[in-house]
Each structure stands twice: as C-alpha cells, then as structure tokens.
N, C-alpha and C. Protein backbone atom coordinates (compact mmCIF):
# COMPACT_ATOMS: atom_id res chain seq x y z
N MET A 1 -16.44 -0.42 20.01
CA MET A 1 -17.42 0.42 19.90
C MET A 1 -18.94 -0.58 19.95
N TRP A 2 -18.93 -1.99 19.80
CA TRP A 2 -20.09 -2.67 20.10
C TRP A 2 -20.03 -2.73 21.69
N MET A 3 -19.30 -2.22 22.57
CA MET A 3 -19.16 -2.97 24.14
C MET A 3 -19.87 -1.58 24.53
N ASP A 4 -20.13 -0.24 24.03
CA ASP A 4 -20.34 1.17 24.55
C ASP A 4 -21.83 0.69 25.28
N SER A 5 -21.64 0.93 26.36
CA SER A 5 -22.79 0.99 27.68
C SER A 5 -24.07 1.58 26.94
N SER A 6 -24.13 2.63 26.28
CA SER A 6 -25.18 3.46 25.68
C SER A 6 -25.69 2.51 24.40
N LEU A 7 -25.18 1.71 24.09
CA LEU A 7 -26.35 0.89 23.37
C LEU A 7 -26.99 -0.29 23.75
N ASN A 8 -27.21 -0.32 25.18
CA ASN A 8 -27.91 -1.13 26.15
C ASN A 8 -29.14 -1.08 25.62
N ASP A 9 -30.27 -1.66 24.83
CA ASP A 9 -32.02 -1.38 24.61
C ASP A 9 -32.74 -1.28 26.07
N GLU A 10 -32.21 -1.84 27.29
CA GLU A 10 -32.80 -1.81 28.16
C GLU A 10 -32.75 -0.36 28.77
N ASP A 11 -31.56 0.19 28.77
CA ASP A 11 -31.64 1.41 29.42
C ASP A 11 -31.85 3.03 28.65
N GLU A 12 -33.10 3.31 28.54
CA GLU A 12 -33.79 4.17 28.14
C GLU A 12 -33.04 5.80 28.13
N ALA A 13 -32.60 5.95 29.54
CA ALA A 13 -32.02 7.06 30.11
C ALA A 13 -31.01 7.51 29.24
N HIS A 14 -30.23 6.85 28.48
CA HIS A 14 -29.10 7.33 27.89
C HIS A 14 -29.35 7.74 26.26
N ALA A 15 -29.10 8.56 25.68
CA ALA A 15 -29.19 8.53 24.72
C ALA A 15 -27.68 8.07 23.96
N PRO A 16 -27.68 7.67 22.37
CA PRO A 16 -27.09 6.88 21.82
C PRO A 16 -25.39 7.87 21.25
N PRO A 17 -24.43 7.63 21.50
CA PRO A 17 -23.28 8.38 21.34
C PRO A 17 -23.63 9.04 19.96
N ASN A 18 -23.03 10.13 19.97
CA ASN A 18 -22.87 11.54 19.03
C ASN A 18 -22.45 10.63 17.32
N TYR A 19 -21.78 9.64 17.26
CA TYR A 19 -20.97 9.37 16.68
C TYR A 19 -21.87 8.22 15.56
N LEU A 20 -23.07 7.51 16.36
CA LEU A 20 -24.22 7.15 15.71
C LEU A 20 -25.61 7.77 15.37
N ALA A 21 -25.58 8.69 16.65
CA ALA A 21 -27.13 9.53 16.56
C ALA A 21 -27.22 10.80 15.76
N ASN A 22 -25.89 11.36 15.70
CA ASN A 22 -25.82 13.06 14.93
C ASN A 22 -25.32 12.54 13.56
N PRO A 23 -26.16 12.82 12.67
CA PRO A 23 -25.50 13.23 11.35
C PRO A 23 -24.44 14.22 11.00
N LYS A 24 -24.37 14.96 11.78
CA LYS A 24 -23.31 16.44 11.68
C LYS A 24 -21.69 15.20 12.22
N VAL A 25 -21.86 14.82 12.99
CA VAL A 25 -20.66 14.24 13.92
C VAL A 25 -20.39 13.39 12.56
N GLN A 26 -21.31 12.21 12.32
CA GLN A 26 -21.13 11.46 11.26
C GLN A 26 -20.17 12.00 9.72
N GLU A 27 -20.91 13.20 9.42
CA GLU A 27 -20.24 13.70 8.03
C GLU A 27 -18.96 14.18 8.69
N GLY A 28 -18.62 14.53 9.73
CA GLY A 28 -17.46 15.09 10.47
C GLY A 28 -16.40 13.86 10.51
N ILE A 29 -16.62 12.79 10.81
CA ILE A 29 -16.06 11.57 10.92
C ILE A 29 -15.43 11.17 9.52
N LEU A 30 -16.42 11.41 8.46
CA LEU A 30 -16.17 10.79 7.18
C LEU A 30 -15.31 12.39 6.39
N GLY A 31 -15.78 13.15 7.15
CA GLY A 31 -14.86 14.52 5.98
C GLY A 31 -13.37 14.19 6.54
N TRP A 32 -13.13 13.73 8.08
CA TRP A 32 -11.46 13.78 8.40
C TRP A 32 -10.87 12.77 7.85
N LEU A 33 -11.95 11.61 7.97
CA LEU A 33 -11.23 10.30 7.17
C LEU A 33 -10.84 10.50 5.75
N GLY A 34 -11.65 11.41 4.64
CA GLY A 34 -11.20 11.82 3.51
C GLY A 34 -9.81 12.25 3.69
N LEU A 35 -9.84 13.40 4.44
CA LEU A 35 -8.64 14.60 4.78
C LEU A 35 -7.51 13.90 4.93
N GLN A 36 -7.53 12.91 5.80
CA GLN A 36 -6.24 11.52 5.99
C GLN A 36 -5.86 11.10 4.97
N ARG A 37 -6.54 10.38 4.18
CA ARG A 37 -6.22 9.74 2.61
C ARG A 37 -6.21 10.80 1.90
N CYS A 38 -6.29 12.13 1.65
CA CYS A 38 -5.59 13.27 0.87
C CYS A 38 -3.93 13.65 1.29
N GLN A 39 -3.72 13.46 2.70
CA GLN A 39 -2.62 13.78 3.10
C GLN A 39 -1.74 12.75 3.16
N GLU A 40 -2.32 11.55 3.22
CA GLU A 40 -1.44 10.15 2.78
C GLU A 40 -1.08 10.05 1.63
N GLU A 41 -2.16 10.62 0.43
CA GLU A 41 -1.50 10.49 -1.04
C GLU A 41 -0.55 11.67 -1.16
N GLU A 42 -0.82 12.84 -0.69
CA GLU A 42 0.09 14.13 -1.28
C GLU A 42 1.19 13.55 -0.66
N SER A 43 1.50 13.21 0.57
CA SER A 43 2.93 12.10 0.99
C SER A 43 3.59 11.41 -0.27
N ARG A 44 2.45 10.69 -0.58
CA ARG A 44 3.01 9.45 -1.43
C ARG A 44 3.75 10.04 -2.87
N ILE A 45 3.01 11.56 -3.09
CA ILE A 45 2.98 11.87 -4.34
C ILE A 45 4.36 12.57 -4.77
N LEU A 46 4.66 13.25 -3.63
CA LEU A 46 5.95 14.19 -3.12
C LEU A 46 6.87 13.43 -3.17
N GLY A 47 6.98 12.02 -2.98
CA GLY A 47 8.02 11.26 -2.65
C GLY A 47 8.19 10.86 -3.82
N GLU A 48 7.07 10.51 -4.83
CA GLU A 48 7.41 10.16 -6.40
C GLU A 48 8.19 10.94 -6.75
N MET A 49 7.39 12.53 -6.40
CA MET A 49 8.14 13.38 -7.56
C MET A 49 9.67 13.79 -7.07
N ASP A 50 9.63 13.68 -5.98
CA ASP A 50 11.38 13.77 -5.76
C ASP A 50 12.26 12.57 -6.48
N GLY A 51 11.35 11.68 -6.48
CA GLY A 51 12.20 10.51 -7.09
C GLY A 51 12.54 10.52 -8.37
N LEU A 52 11.38 11.39 -9.04
CA LEU A 52 11.49 11.39 -10.58
C LEU A 52 12.61 13.01 -11.25
N LEU A 53 12.49 13.75 -9.82
CA LEU A 53 13.12 14.83 -10.35
C LEU A 53 14.93 14.52 -10.35
N SER A 54 15.15 13.58 -9.20
CA SER A 54 16.29 13.28 -9.01
C SER A 54 16.73 12.21 -10.53
N TRP A 55 16.24 11.65 -10.54
CA TRP A 55 16.23 10.71 -12.05
C TRP A 55 16.41 11.61 -13.39
N MET A 56 15.25 12.64 -13.11
CA MET A 56 15.49 13.28 -14.72
C MET A 56 16.96 14.34 -14.31
N SER A 57 17.56 14.72 -13.25
CA SER A 57 18.80 15.38 -13.20
C SER A 57 19.96 14.73 -13.08
N ASN A 58 19.77 13.18 -13.08
CA ASN A 58 20.92 12.54 -13.46
C ASN A 58 20.97 12.18 -14.94
N GLN A 59 19.67 12.04 -15.82
CA GLN A 59 19.57 11.92 -17.10
C GLN A 59 20.35 13.10 -17.70
N ILE A 60 19.92 14.34 -17.29
CA ILE A 60 20.51 15.25 -17.78
C ILE A 60 21.97 15.75 -17.78
N GLU A 61 22.49 15.36 -16.67
CA GLU A 61 23.80 15.64 -16.33
C GLU A 61 24.68 14.43 -17.14
N ALA A 62 23.94 13.15 -17.68
CA ALA A 62 24.48 12.17 -18.53
C ALA A 62 24.46 13.20 -20.14
N ILE A 63 23.52 13.42 -20.18
CA ILE A 63 23.65 14.02 -21.49
C ILE A 63 24.34 15.20 -21.55
N LYS A 64 24.59 15.84 -20.81
CA LYS A 64 25.61 16.68 -21.02
C LYS A 64 27.13 16.47 -20.86
N GLN A 65 27.34 15.24 -20.07
CA GLN A 65 28.75 14.48 -20.28
C GLN A 65 28.78 14.06 -21.87
N VAL A 66 27.74 13.39 -22.19
CA VAL A 66 27.99 12.79 -23.48
C VAL A 66 28.45 13.89 -24.70
N LEU A 67 27.37 15.21 -24.55
CA LEU A 67 27.67 15.99 -25.43
C LEU A 67 28.85 16.90 -25.41
N ASN A 68 29.50 16.78 -24.51
CA ASN A 68 30.74 17.44 -24.17
C ASN A 68 32.01 16.41 -24.34
N ILE A 69 31.58 15.13 -24.70
CA ILE A 69 32.47 13.89 -25.09
C ILE A 69 32.36 14.38 -26.41
N CYS A 70 31.29 14.45 -27.25
CA CYS A 70 30.81 14.31 -28.30
C CYS A 70 31.51 15.67 -29.36
N ARG A 71 31.55 16.60 -28.19
CA ARG A 71 32.25 17.79 -28.78
C ARG A 71 33.75 18.09 -29.24
N GLY A 72 34.47 17.20 -28.11
CA GLY A 72 35.48 16.81 -28.28
C GLY A 72 36.37 16.03 -29.07
N ARG A 73 35.43 15.12 -29.66
CA ARG A 73 35.50 13.83 -30.50
C ARG A 73 34.89 14.06 -31.72
N SER A 74 34.59 14.89 -32.24
CA SER A 74 33.43 14.76 -33.15
C SER A 74 33.96 14.56 -34.80
N ARG A 75 35.70 14.78 -35.06
CA ARG A 75 36.10 14.28 -35.80
C ARG A 75 36.29 12.57 -35.71
N PHE A 76 36.50 11.86 -34.64
CA PHE A 76 36.47 10.54 -34.38
C PHE A 76 35.09 10.07 -34.53
N ILE A 77 34.03 10.68 -33.81
CA ILE A 77 33.03 9.75 -34.51
C ILE A 77 32.42 10.14 -35.49
N PHE A 78 32.69 10.80 -36.67
CA PHE A 78 31.98 10.67 -37.59
C PHE A 78 33.14 9.61 -38.04
N SER A 79 34.78 9.54 -38.36
CA SER A 79 35.27 8.65 -38.93
C SER A 79 35.14 7.17 -38.45
N PHE A 80 34.35 6.96 -37.28
CA PHE A 80 34.01 5.86 -36.66
C PHE A 80 32.89 5.57 -37.33
N HIS A 81 31.78 6.15 -37.44
CA HIS A 81 30.20 6.28 -37.83
C HIS A 81 30.65 5.92 -39.30
N MET A 82 31.58 6.50 -40.05
CA MET A 82 31.66 6.35 -41.83
C MET A 82 32.14 5.02 -42.00
N HIS A 83 32.81 4.16 -41.04
CA HIS A 83 33.96 3.29 -40.98
C HIS A 83 32.67 1.87 -40.79
N PHE A 84 31.69 2.72 -39.85
CA PHE A 84 30.64 1.35 -39.38
C PHE A 84 29.55 1.25 -40.55
N HIS A 85 29.43 2.22 -41.05
CA HIS A 85 28.45 2.19 -42.10
C HIS A 85 29.29 1.20 -43.57
N SER A 86 30.26 1.81 -43.79
CA SER A 86 31.00 1.18 -44.99
C SER A 86 31.25 -0.23 -44.79
N SER A 87 31.21 -0.94 -43.61
CA SER A 87 31.75 -2.04 -43.21
C SER A 87 30.23 -3.12 -43.58
N GLY A 88 29.24 -2.38 -43.65
CA GLY A 88 27.89 -3.21 -43.85
C GLY A 88 27.44 -3.56 -42.38
N HIS A 89 27.77 -3.00 -41.23
CA HIS A 89 27.01 -3.18 -39.97
C HIS A 89 25.73 -2.75 -39.96
N LEU A 90 25.36 -1.83 -40.52
CA LEU A 90 23.99 -1.43 -40.60
C LEU A 90 23.31 -1.40 -41.62
C-alpha cells in the first residue's frame, strides 16, 4: 500500500486511491472485513455444535444402555444396594 505511486506528493495530477480518499469505500472495506469475521465465527460455532450434539447423543445412548441393564437386574441391584448399606460402606 505504501508503495502506491499515487501517494507521491509531488504528483498532483493523480488523485489518491479510493481506499484512502473515499469514506464509502472505507466503510465497504470495514463491512467486508466484519462479514468475514462473522462467517469465520459461524463456522467455528457450527463445529462446536456438531461436537456437542455428538457428545450428547453418546451420553443418551449410554444412559439408555444402563437403564436397560438396570431393568433386567433390578433385584440384583436392590440386594447389592442393601448389602452395601448394611456393611457400613456409606
């Protein structure tokens, strides 16, 4: 940017480039940069959401498996629980 020949003070025939002289162009550049940051953030957040949904799905499946095991072994779990309490472990 600083090597731009239109920045030569001795040459008054050339107007400065729009990115330096035109406020609308400057606003457009800032807007475009803001959009780029938002798109990067959106991509990052969507990746985090995918990871969270995958983790949550795994947790739900683990809970379902434990519930199925508990339903089939409710008497065993109850007797173990009673034995564990009566032995003074809790």
